[in-house]
Amino acid sequence: MRENLKQARKNEGMTQQQMADYLHITLRYYKKLESGDADGSITLWDSLEDLFEIPQRLLREIPNNHPCQADSQ
């Protein structure tokens, strides 16, 4: 789950449907982005970065898949 993306959306008071409409994608695809089941294009992440004013590397982060986590265990 991309918690940073979900929280940014909620902080803006936007629903998943409003995000999908803003990005010109389907609701199903947006849900996959937020859950981490889809990667999305650079253009899409640029739009999210502009909207939320949060670096896309933070928005894209999926905590359970952090590469350093596996090394430190």
N, C-alpha and C. Protein backbone atom coordinates (compact mmCIF):
# COMPACT_ATOMS: atom_id res chain seq x y z
N MET A 1 0.85 -1.18 0.00
CA MET A 1 0.00 0.00 0.00
C MET A 1 0.89 1.24 0.00
N ARG A 2 0.56 2.16 -0.87
CA ARG A 2 1.28 3.43 -0.91
C ARG A 2 0.61 4.39 0.06
N GLU A 3 1.01 4.28 1.33
CA GLU A 3 0.40 5.09 2.39
C GLU A 3 0.60 6.59 2.17
N ASN A 4 1.77 6.99 1.66
CA ASN A 4 2.03 8.42 1.45
C ASN A 4 1.09 9.00 0.40
N LEU A 5 0.83 8.23 -0.65
CA LEU A 5 -0.09 8.68 -1.69
C LEU A 5 -1.51 8.76 -1.14
N LYS A 6 -1.92 7.74 -0.42
CA LYS A 6 -3.25 7.72 0.17
C LYS A 6 -3.44 8.89 1.14
N GLN A 7 -2.45 9.12 1.98
CA GLN A 7 -2.56 10.21 2.96
C GLN A 7 -2.57 11.58 2.27
N ALA A 8 -1.77 11.74 1.23
CA ALA A 8 -1.75 13.00 0.49
C ALA A 8 -3.12 13.27 -0.13
N ARG A 9 -3.73 12.23 -0.68
CA ARG A 9 -5.07 12.37 -1.27
C ARG A 9 -6.08 12.77 -0.21
N LYS A 10 -6.03 12.11 0.92
CA LYS A 10 -6.97 12.41 2.01
C LYS A 10 -6.75 13.82 2.56
N ASN A 11 -5.49 14.24 2.64
CA ASN A 11 -5.19 15.59 3.12
C ASN A 11 -5.78 16.66 2.21
N GLU A 12 -5.88 16.35 0.92
CA GLU A 12 -6.48 17.27 -0.05
C GLU A 12 -8.00 17.17 -0.05
N GLY A 13 -8.54 16.19 0.70
CA GLY A 13 -9.98 16.01 0.75
C GLY A 13 -10.55 15.43 -0.54
N MET A 14 -9.75 14.63 -1.22
CA MET A 14 -10.17 14.07 -2.50
C MET A 14 -10.49 12.59 -2.36
N THR A 15 -11.49 12.14 -3.11
CA THR A 15 -11.82 10.73 -3.17
C THR A 15 -10.95 10.06 -4.22
N GLN A 16 -10.96 8.74 -4.23
CA GLN A 16 -10.23 8.03 -5.26
C GLN A 16 -10.82 8.34 -6.64
N GLN A 17 -12.13 8.50 -6.73
CA GLN A 17 -12.75 8.84 -8.01
C GLN A 17 -12.31 10.21 -8.48
N GLN A 18 -12.22 11.18 -7.57
CA GLN A 18 -11.76 12.52 -7.95
C GLN A 18 -10.32 12.48 -8.44
N MET A 19 -9.50 11.64 -7.81
CA MET A 19 -8.11 11.50 -8.26
C MET A 19 -8.05 10.89 -9.65
N ALA A 20 -8.85 9.87 -9.87
CA ALA A 20 -8.89 9.23 -11.19
C ALA A 20 -9.32 10.24 -12.25
N ASP A 21 -10.33 11.02 -11.94
CA ASP A 21 -10.79 12.04 -12.89
C ASP A 21 -9.70 13.08 -13.15
N TYR A 22 -9.03 13.53 -12.10
CA TYR A 22 -7.95 14.52 -12.23
C TYR A 22 -6.83 13.99 -13.14
N LEU A 23 -6.53 12.70 -13.00
CA LEU A 23 -5.44 12.09 -13.77
C LEU A 23 -5.88 11.55 -15.12
N HIS A 24 -7.18 11.61 -15.39
CA HIS A 24 -7.74 11.09 -16.64
C HIS A 24 -7.47 9.59 -16.79
N ILE A 25 -7.68 8.86 -15.69
CA ILE A 25 -7.55 7.42 -15.70
C ILE A 25 -8.80 6.82 -15.07
N THR A 26 -8.94 5.50 -15.13
CA THR A 26 -10.10 4.87 -14.53
C THR A 26 -9.92 4.76 -13.01
N LEU A 27 -11.04 4.64 -12.33
CA LEU A 27 -11.00 4.45 -10.88
C LEU A 27 -10.24 3.16 -10.55
N ARG A 28 -10.49 2.13 -11.30
CA ARG A 28 -9.82 0.85 -11.06
C ARG A 28 -8.30 1.00 -11.14
N TYR A 29 -7.83 1.73 -12.14
CA TYR A 29 -6.38 1.93 -12.29
C TYR A 29 -5.83 2.77 -11.14
N TYR A 30 -6.57 3.79 -10.73
CA TYR A 30 -6.09 4.61 -9.61
C TYR A 30 -5.98 3.75 -8.35
N LYS A 31 -6.97 2.91 -8.10
CA LYS A 31 -6.92 2.04 -6.93
C LYS A 31 -5.69 1.14 -6.97
N LYS A 32 -5.32 0.68 -8.16
CA LYS A 32 -4.13 -0.14 -8.31
C LYS A 32 -2.86 0.67 -8.01
N LEU A 33 -2.86 1.93 -8.41
CA LEU A 33 -1.71 2.79 -8.09
C LEU A 33 -1.56 2.93 -6.58
N GLU A 34 -2.67 3.23 -5.93
CA GLU A 34 -2.64 3.47 -4.49
C GLU A 34 -2.30 2.20 -3.72
N SER A 35 -2.74 1.06 -4.20
CA SER A 35 -2.46 -0.20 -3.51
C SER A 35 -1.05 -0.71 -3.80
N GLY A 36 -0.42 -0.17 -4.84
CA GLY A 36 0.92 -0.62 -5.22
C GLY A 36 0.91 -1.73 -6.25
N ASP A 37 -0.27 -2.04 -6.78
CA ASP A 37 -0.38 -3.10 -7.80
C ASP A 37 -0.09 -2.61 -9.21
N ALA A 38 0.06 -1.30 -9.39
CA ALA A 38 0.43 -0.71 -10.70
C ALA A 38 1.50 0.33 -10.45
N ASP A 39 2.37 0.50 -11.44
CA ASP A 39 3.48 1.44 -11.30
C ASP A 39 3.15 2.85 -11.79
N GLY A 40 2.40 2.97 -12.85
CA GLY A 40 2.08 4.29 -13.39
C GLY A 40 3.22 4.86 -14.21
N SER A 41 2.86 5.82 -15.06
CA SER A 41 3.85 6.45 -15.94
C SER A 41 4.54 7.61 -15.22
N ILE A 42 5.65 8.04 -15.77
CA ILE A 42 6.37 9.20 -15.23
C ILE A 42 5.47 10.43 -15.28
N THR A 43 4.74 10.59 -16.36
CA THR A 43 3.83 11.73 -16.50
C THR A 43 2.78 11.75 -15.41
N LEU A 44 2.24 10.60 -15.10
CA LEU A 44 1.24 10.49 -14.04
C LEU A 44 1.84 10.91 -12.70
N TRP A 45 3.02 10.39 -12.38
CA TRP A 45 3.67 10.74 -11.10
C TRP A 45 4.08 12.20 -11.07
N ASP A 46 4.45 12.76 -12.22
CA ASP A 46 4.73 14.20 -12.28
C ASP A 46 3.49 15.01 -11.92
N SER A 47 2.33 14.58 -12.41
CA SER A 47 1.07 15.27 -12.10
C SER A 47 0.75 15.19 -10.62
N LEU A 48 0.98 14.02 -10.03
CA LEU A 48 0.73 13.86 -8.59
C LEU A 48 1.69 14.71 -7.76
N GLU A 49 2.93 14.74 -8.18
CA GLU A 49 3.94 15.56 -7.49
C GLU A 49 3.54 17.04 -7.54
N ASP A 50 3.08 17.49 -8.69
CA ASP A 50 2.64 18.89 -8.83
C ASP A 50 1.41 19.18 -7.97
N LEU A 51 0.46 18.25 -7.95
CA LEU A 51 -0.76 18.45 -7.18
C LEU A 51 -0.49 18.52 -5.68
N PHE A 52 0.27 17.57 -5.18
CA PHE A 52 0.48 17.48 -3.74
C PHE A 52 1.70 18.23 -3.24
N GLU A 53 2.58 18.63 -4.15
CA GLU A 53 3.84 19.28 -3.79
C GLU A 53 4.66 18.40 -2.84
N ILE A 54 4.67 17.11 -3.19
CA ILE A 54 5.44 16.09 -2.47
C ILE A 54 6.27 15.35 -3.51
N PRO A 55 7.56 15.14 -3.25
CA PRO A 55 8.39 14.43 -4.24
C PRO A 55 7.79 13.07 -4.57
N GLN A 56 7.80 12.75 -5.86
CA GLN A 56 7.18 11.49 -6.28
C GLN A 56 7.85 10.27 -5.69
N ARG A 57 9.11 10.35 -5.36
CA ARG A 57 9.77 9.20 -4.74
C ARG A 57 9.09 8.85 -3.41
N LEU A 58 8.59 9.87 -2.70
CA LEU A 58 7.87 9.61 -1.46
C LEU A 58 6.46 9.10 -1.73
N LEU A 59 5.81 9.66 -2.74
CA LEU A 59 4.46 9.21 -3.09
C LEU A 59 4.47 7.77 -3.59
N ARG A 60 5.51 7.38 -4.29
CA ARG A 60 5.60 6.04 -4.88
C ARG A 60 6.01 4.97 -3.88
N GLU A 61 6.54 5.38 -2.76
CA GLU A 61 7.10 4.45 -1.79
C GLU A 61 6.06 3.44 -1.28
N ILE A 62 6.48 2.19 -1.27
CA ILE A 62 5.69 1.11 -0.69
C ILE A 62 6.55 0.56 0.46
N PRO A 63 6.23 0.90 1.70
CA PRO A 63 7.10 0.58 2.84
C PRO A 63 7.56 -0.87 2.93
N ASN A 64 6.72 -1.83 2.65
CA ASN A 64 7.11 -3.24 2.78
C ASN A 64 8.08 -3.69 1.72
N ASN A 65 8.26 -2.90 0.66
CA ASN A 65 9.15 -3.28 -0.43
C ASN A 65 10.43 -2.45 -0.46
N HIS A 66 10.74 -1.77 0.61
CA HIS A 66 11.93 -0.92 0.64
C HIS A 66 13.16 -1.80 0.52
N PRO A 67 14.06 -1.54 -0.46
CA PRO A 67 15.21 -2.41 -0.71
C PRO A 67 16.15 -2.53 0.48
N CYS A 68 16.28 -1.52 1.29
CA CYS A 68 17.20 -1.58 2.44
C CYS A 68 16.65 -2.45 3.55
N GLN A 69 15.36 -2.64 3.61
CA GLN A 69 14.75 -3.44 4.65
C GLN A 69 15.25 -4.88 4.61
N ALA A 70 15.30 -5.46 3.44
CA ALA A 70 15.73 -6.84 3.30
C ALA A 70 17.20 -7.00 3.72
N ASP A 71 18.02 -6.00 3.41
CA ASP A 71 19.44 -6.07 3.75
C ASP A 71 19.69 -6.00 5.25
N SER A 72 18.82 -5.28 5.96
CA SER A 72 19.06 -5.05 7.39
C SER A 72 18.49 -6.16 8.27
N GLN A 73 17.84 -7.13 7.68
CA GLN A 73 17.24 -8.21 8.49
C GLN A 73 18.18 -9.37 8.63
